[in-house]
């Protein structure tokens, strides 16, 4: 009887172990890009982490795990195989131009980046039309339409009077305190910021013109454990279930 019981336990262990091995680990790279990835924030605050949670609950073939990376280092990290996918990425952010071995899913979220300045009497949309002679602030490692999507700090400093900081909150603070004239921030972050800081609403002039339009896709490393067709199917399933809509709605983002 003891031998039979031991055999049954061994078989159970093998079955459980087989199921665990069947789940392919997919490493999800993410750099500070609020509200899509927010350093130091808890689980519900980061859209990427909420997507990971939903994808893991929805299926068992893949186990998505978050890997923190830096915006400027993400190209080298891809080459070194540190991550397999990035959510909320765009082909035009050097990936296509440099010929990296990646594929992109269909667009699953649209948005953009706006210019902001201090609201002053007589100041209107025309303030953003000519950036020459104005002190700008942006995020280190980000790509901007007005700069031809070249994120190289040396290029930016030579071509513009721009200060590069580490967060959108710092950018907004620099504008509100008058130390910089114009900042570029994501519309998704600005909406959340103004919701949480309503007293800033009347102090900021927000451009109607977008510096760039986001068409967010999932970047998929070709040599990774998941291919772009499967990633597309998973995102479609997430959308059809309503979970994707709920995640965006919680962050006050409209699709």
Protein backbone atom coordinates (compact mmCIF):
# COMPACT_ATOMS: atom_id res chain seq x y z
CA UNK A 1 0.00 0.00 0.00
CA UNK A 2 2.85 2.36 0.90
CA UNK A 3 4.44 1.70 -2.50
CA UNK A 4 1.14 2.42 -4.27
CA UNK A 5 0.63 5.63 -2.28
CA UNK A 6 4.20 6.72 -3.05
CA UNK A 7 3.62 6.02 -6.72
CA UNK A 8 0.43 8.05 -6.76
CA UNK A 9 2.20 10.97 -5.07
CA UNK A 10 5.03 10.77 -7.59
CA UNK A 11 2.53 10.78 -10.46
CA UNK A 12 0.73 13.78 -8.94
CA UNK A 13 4.05 15.60 -8.59
CA UNK A 14 4.88 14.92 -12.22
CA UNK A 15 1.48 16.16 -13.37
CA UNK A 16 1.69 19.35 -11.32
CA UNK A 17 5.29 19.87 -12.37
CA UNK A 18 4.33 19.35 -16.01
CA UNK A 19 1.61 21.99 -15.76
CA UNK A 20 4.07 24.46 -14.22
CA UNK A 21 6.61 23.82 -16.95
CA UNK A 22 3.93 24.27 -19.61
CA UNK A 23 3.51 27.94 -18.68
CA UNK A 24 6.07 29.88 -20.70
CA UNK A 25 7.50 32.87 -18.82
CA UNK A 26 7.18 36.09 -20.82
CA UNK A 27 9.23 38.98 -19.42
CA UNK A 28 7.47 42.32 -19.79
CA UNK A 29 9.89 45.23 -19.92
CA UNK A 30 8.72 48.56 -18.58
CA UNK A 31 10.35 51.96 -18.10
CA UNK A 32 8.93 54.94 -16.22
CA UNK A 33 6.15 56.17 -18.52
CA UNK A 34 3.15 57.25 -16.45
CA UNK A 35 0.42 56.18 -16.26
CA UNK A 36 1.53 53.14 -18.27
CA UNK A 37 4.43 52.38 -15.91
CA UNK A 38 4.89 54.40 -12.74
CA UNK A 39 7.97 53.83 -10.60
CA UNK A 40 7.25 53.48 -6.91
CA UNK A 41 3.52 53.11 -7.40
CA UNK A 42 1.46 50.23 -6.07
CA UNK A 43 -0.18 47.63 -8.27
CA UNK A 44 -3.38 49.37 -9.43
CA UNK A 45 -1.52 52.55 -10.38
CA UNK A 46 0.41 51.09 -13.30
CA UNK A 47 -1.49 50.07 -16.43
CA UNK A 48 1.25 47.63 -17.45
CA UNK A 49 1.02 45.81 -14.13
CA UNK A 50 -2.76 45.64 -14.37
CA UNK A 51 -2.49 44.22 -17.90
CA UNK A 52 -0.04 41.59 -16.64
CA UNK A 53 -2.42 40.63 -13.84
CA UNK A 54 -5.36 40.31 -16.26
CA UNK A 55 -3.42 38.31 -18.84
CA UNK A 56 -2.21 35.87 -16.19
CA UNK A 57 -5.75 35.43 -14.83
CA UNK A 58 -7.18 34.94 -18.32
CA UNK A 59 -4.98 32.06 -19.49
CA UNK A 60 -2.36 29.59 -18.31
CA UNK A 61 -0.10 29.00 -21.30
CA UNK A 62 2.07 32.04 -20.54
CA UNK A 63 3.17 33.61 -17.29
CA UNK A 64 3.81 37.33 -17.76
CA UNK A 65 6.35 38.86 -15.37
CA UNK A 66 7.40 42.49 -15.06
CA UNK A 67 11.04 43.48 -15.60
CA UNK A 68 12.04 47.11 -14.88
CA UNK A 69 14.21 48.72 -17.57
CA UNK A 70 15.36 52.25 -18.39
CA UNK A 71 13.96 54.19 -21.35
CA UNK A 72 17.39 54.90 -22.86
CA UNK A 73 18.63 51.36 -22.19
CA UNK A 74 15.69 49.48 -23.70
CA UNK A 75 17.39 48.94 -27.07
CA UNK A 76 20.46 47.37 -25.48
CA UNK A 77 18.28 45.37 -23.12
CA UNK A 78 16.40 43.97 -26.11
CA UNK A 79 19.64 42.91 -27.78
CA UNK A 80 20.73 41.22 -24.55
CA UNK A 81 17.36 39.45 -24.25
CA UNK A 82 16.43 41.03 -20.90
CA UNK A 83 12.76 41.26 -21.88
CA UNK A 84 10.39 39.66 -24.38
CA UNK A 85 7.62 42.23 -24.81
CA UNK A 86 6.86 45.86 -23.99
CA UNK A 87 3.32 47.14 -23.74
CA UNK A 88 2.50 50.70 -24.86
CA UNK A 89 5.31 51.01 -27.40
CA UNK A 90 5.52 52.51 -30.89
CA UNK A 91 7.48 51.40 -33.99
CA UNK A 92 8.54 55.00 -34.68
CA UNK A 93 10.53 55.23 -31.45
CA UNK A 94 13.70 54.07 -33.26
CA UNK A 95 12.67 50.40 -33.50
CA UNK A 96 11.93 50.45 -37.23
CA UNK A 97 14.59 52.98 -38.17
CA UNK A 98 17.34 50.92 -36.54
CA UNK A 99 16.04 47.57 -37.80
CA UNK A 100 15.66 45.82 -34.45
CA UNK A 101 14.39 42.23 -34.50
CA UNK A 102 10.93 43.01 -33.16
CA UNK A 103 7.32 42.80 -34.31
CA UNK A 104 4.33 44.90 -33.26
CA UNK A 105 0.75 43.94 -32.56
CA UNK A 106 -2.23 45.87 -33.83
CA UNK A 107 -2.97 49.23 -32.23
CA UNK A 108 -4.93 48.78 -29.00
CA UNK A 109 -4.85 52.31 -27.56
CA UNK A 110 -4.57 55.79 -29.05
CA UNK A 111 -3.47 58.95 -27.28
CA UNK A 112 -0.80 61.59 -27.58
CA UNK A 113 1.42 64.21 -26.02
CA UNK A 114 0.47 67.84 -25.48
CA UNK A 115 2.39 71.02 -24.78
CA UNK A 116 1.67 72.85 -21.54
CA UNK A 117 2.65 76.31 -20.29
CA UNK A 118 1.64 78.67 -17.52
CA UNK A 119 -1.70 80.29 -18.22
CA UNK A 120 -1.22 84.04 -18.58
CA UNK A 121 -3.45 86.87 -19.82
CA UNK A 122 -3.29 87.06 -23.62
CA UNK A 123 -1.44 83.76 -23.97
CA UNK A 124 -3.14 81.28 -26.28
CA UNK A 125 -2.48 78.39 -28.66
CA UNK A 126 -0.11 80.52 -30.74
CA UNK A 127 2.40 80.36 -27.86
CA UNK A 128 3.17 76.75 -28.83
CA UNK A 129 3.57 77.31 -32.57
CA UNK A 130 7.18 78.50 -32.44
CA UNK A 131 9.46 76.80 -29.90
CA UNK A 132 12.54 78.86 -30.72
CA UNK A 133 13.65 81.08 -27.86
CA UNK A 134 11.58 79.15 -25.34
CA UNK A 135 12.90 77.03 -22.48
CA UNK A 136 11.57 73.49 -22.83
CA UNK A 137 11.45 70.51 -20.50
CA UNK A 138 11.10 66.86 -21.44
CA UNK A 139 11.85 63.36 -20.17
CA UNK A 140 15.23 61.70 -20.63
CA UNK A 141 14.95 58.84 -23.13
CA UNK A 142 11.63 59.97 -24.62
CA UNK A 143 11.05 60.66 -28.32
CA UNK A 144 9.38 63.91 -29.35
CA UNK A 145 7.74 64.85 -32.62
CA UNK A 146 9.15 68.39 -32.60
CA UNK A 147 12.65 66.86 -32.44
CA UNK A 148 12.11 64.37 -35.25
CA UNK A 149 11.79 61.52 -32.71
CA UNK A 150 15.52 61.67 -31.99
CA UNK A 151 15.92 61.02 -28.26
CA UNK A 152 19.68 61.57 -28.17
CA UNK A 153 20.33 64.10 -25.35
CA UNK A 154 23.22 65.69 -27.25
CA UNK A 155 21.04 66.29 -30.31
CA UNK A 156 18.26 67.74 -28.15
CA UNK A 157 20.59 70.09 -26.28
CA UNK A 158 22.18 71.35 -29.49
CA UNK A 159 18.89 71.89 -31.29
CA UNK A 160 16.71 73.17 -28.43
CA UNK A 161 16.94 74.87 -25.06
CA UNK A 162 15.63 71.78 -23.32
CA UNK A 163 16.07 70.39 -19.83
CA UNK A 164 15.66 66.62 -19.49
CA UNK A 165 14.18 65.34 -16.25
CA UNK A 166 12.99 61.98 -14.96
CA UNK A 167 9.24 62.49 -14.53
CA UNK A 168 6.17 64.28 -15.87
CA UNK A 169 5.49 65.64 -12.39
CA UNK A 170 8.89 67.36 -12.41
CA UNK A 171 8.13 68.78 -15.87
CA UNK A 172 4.83 70.25 -14.71
CA UNK A 173 6.38 71.67 -11.54
CA UNK A 174 9.10 73.39 -13.56
CA UNK A 175 6.45 75.05 -15.72
CA UNK A 176 4.24 76.06 -12.80
CA UNK A 177 7.19 77.64 -10.98
CA UNK A 178 8.25 79.54 -14.10
CA UNK A 179 11.64 77.86 -14.45
CA UNK A 180 10.67 76.42 -17.85
CA UNK A 181 8.32 77.86 -20.47
CA UNK A 182 6.90 74.71 -22.06
CA UNK A 183 6.69 71.05 -21.10
CA UNK A 184 5.56 68.07 -23.16
CA UNK A 185 3.44 65.54 -21.27
CA UNK A 186 1.24 62.61 -22.18
CA UNK A 187 -2.45 63.46 -22.31
CA UNK A 188 -3.19 60.38 -20.18
CA UNK A 189 -0.89 61.57 -17.41
CA UNK A 190 -2.12 65.15 -17.61
CA UNK A 191 -5.75 64.04 -17.28
CA UNK A 192 -4.92 62.03 -14.16
CA UNK A 193 -2.80 64.88 -12.75
CA UNK A 194 -5.55 67.47 -13.19
CA UNK A 195 -8.09 65.10 -11.66
CA UNK A 196 -5.89 64.67 -8.58
CA UNK A 197 -4.69 68.32 -8.53
CA UNK A 198 -7.74 70.35 -9.60
CA UNK A 199 -6.19 73.61 -8.32
CA UNK A 200 -3.69 73.42 -11.20
CA UNK A 201 -6.46 73.43 -13.82
CA UNK A 202 -6.64 77.21 -14.17
CA UNK A 203 -2.88 77.68 -13.94
CA UNK A 204 -2.02 75.65 -17.03
CA UNK A 205 -2.50 76.38 -20.72
CA UNK A 206 -2.82 73.10 -22.61
CA UNK A 207 -2.23 72.95 -26.36
CA UNK A 208 -4.95 71.68 -28.67
CA UNK A 209 -2.17 70.60 -31.04
CA UNK A 210 -0.51 67.27 -30.22
CA UNK A 211 3.27 66.95 -30.45
CA UNK A 212 2.71 63.35 -31.47
CA UNK A 213 -0.16 60.90 -31.70
CA UNK A 214 0.28 57.61 -29.88
CA UNK A 215 -0.81 54.40 -31.49
CA UNK A 216 0.15 52.03 -28.74
CA UNK A 217 1.04 48.47 -29.64
CA UNK A 218 2.78 45.58 -27.92
CA UNK A 219 6.40 45.17 -28.99
CA UNK A 220 7.35 41.49 -29.31
CA UNK A 221 10.95 40.26 -29.46
CA UNK A 222 11.21 37.83 -32.37
CA UNK A 223 13.50 35.41 -30.54
CA UNK A 224 11.26 35.37 -27.46
CA UNK A 225 8.85 32.74 -26.09
CA UNK A 226 5.72 34.34 -27.59
CA UNK A 227 5.07 35.47 -31.16
CA UNK A 228 3.18 38.51 -32.34
CA UNK A 229 0.16 36.55 -33.61
CA UNK A 230 -0.36 34.98 -30.19
CA UNK A 231 0.11 38.33 -28.47
CA UNK A 232 -2.45 39.88 -30.82
CA UNK A 233 -4.91 37.09 -30.01
CA UNK A 234 -4.44 37.58 -26.27
CA UNK A 235 -5.00 41.34 -26.54
CA UNK A 236 -8.11 40.71 -28.65
CA UNK A 237 -9.44 38.32 -26.01
CA UNK A 238 -8.70 40.86 -23.28
CA UNK A 239 -10.61 43.51 -25.23
CA UNK A 240 -13.56 41.20 -25.98
CA UNK A 241 -13.89 40.31 -22.29
CA UNK A 242 -14.21 43.98 -21.35
CA UNK A 243 -11.16 43.85 -19.08
CA UNK A 244 -9.09 46.11 -21.31
CA UNK A 245 -11.83 48.75 -21.30
CA UNK A 246 -12.11 48.54 -17.51
CA UNK A 247 -8.35 48.99 -17.07
CA UNK A 248 -8.36 52.12 -19.23
CA UNK A 249 -11.51 53.47 -17.65
CA UNK A 250 -10.02 53.14 -14.15
CA UNK A 251 -7.11 55.29 -15.32
CA UNK A 252 -9.48 57.83 -16.96
CA UNK A 253 -8.20 56.91 -20.42
CA UNK A 254 -10.55 56.70 -23.38
CA UNK A 255 -9.91 54.32 -26.26
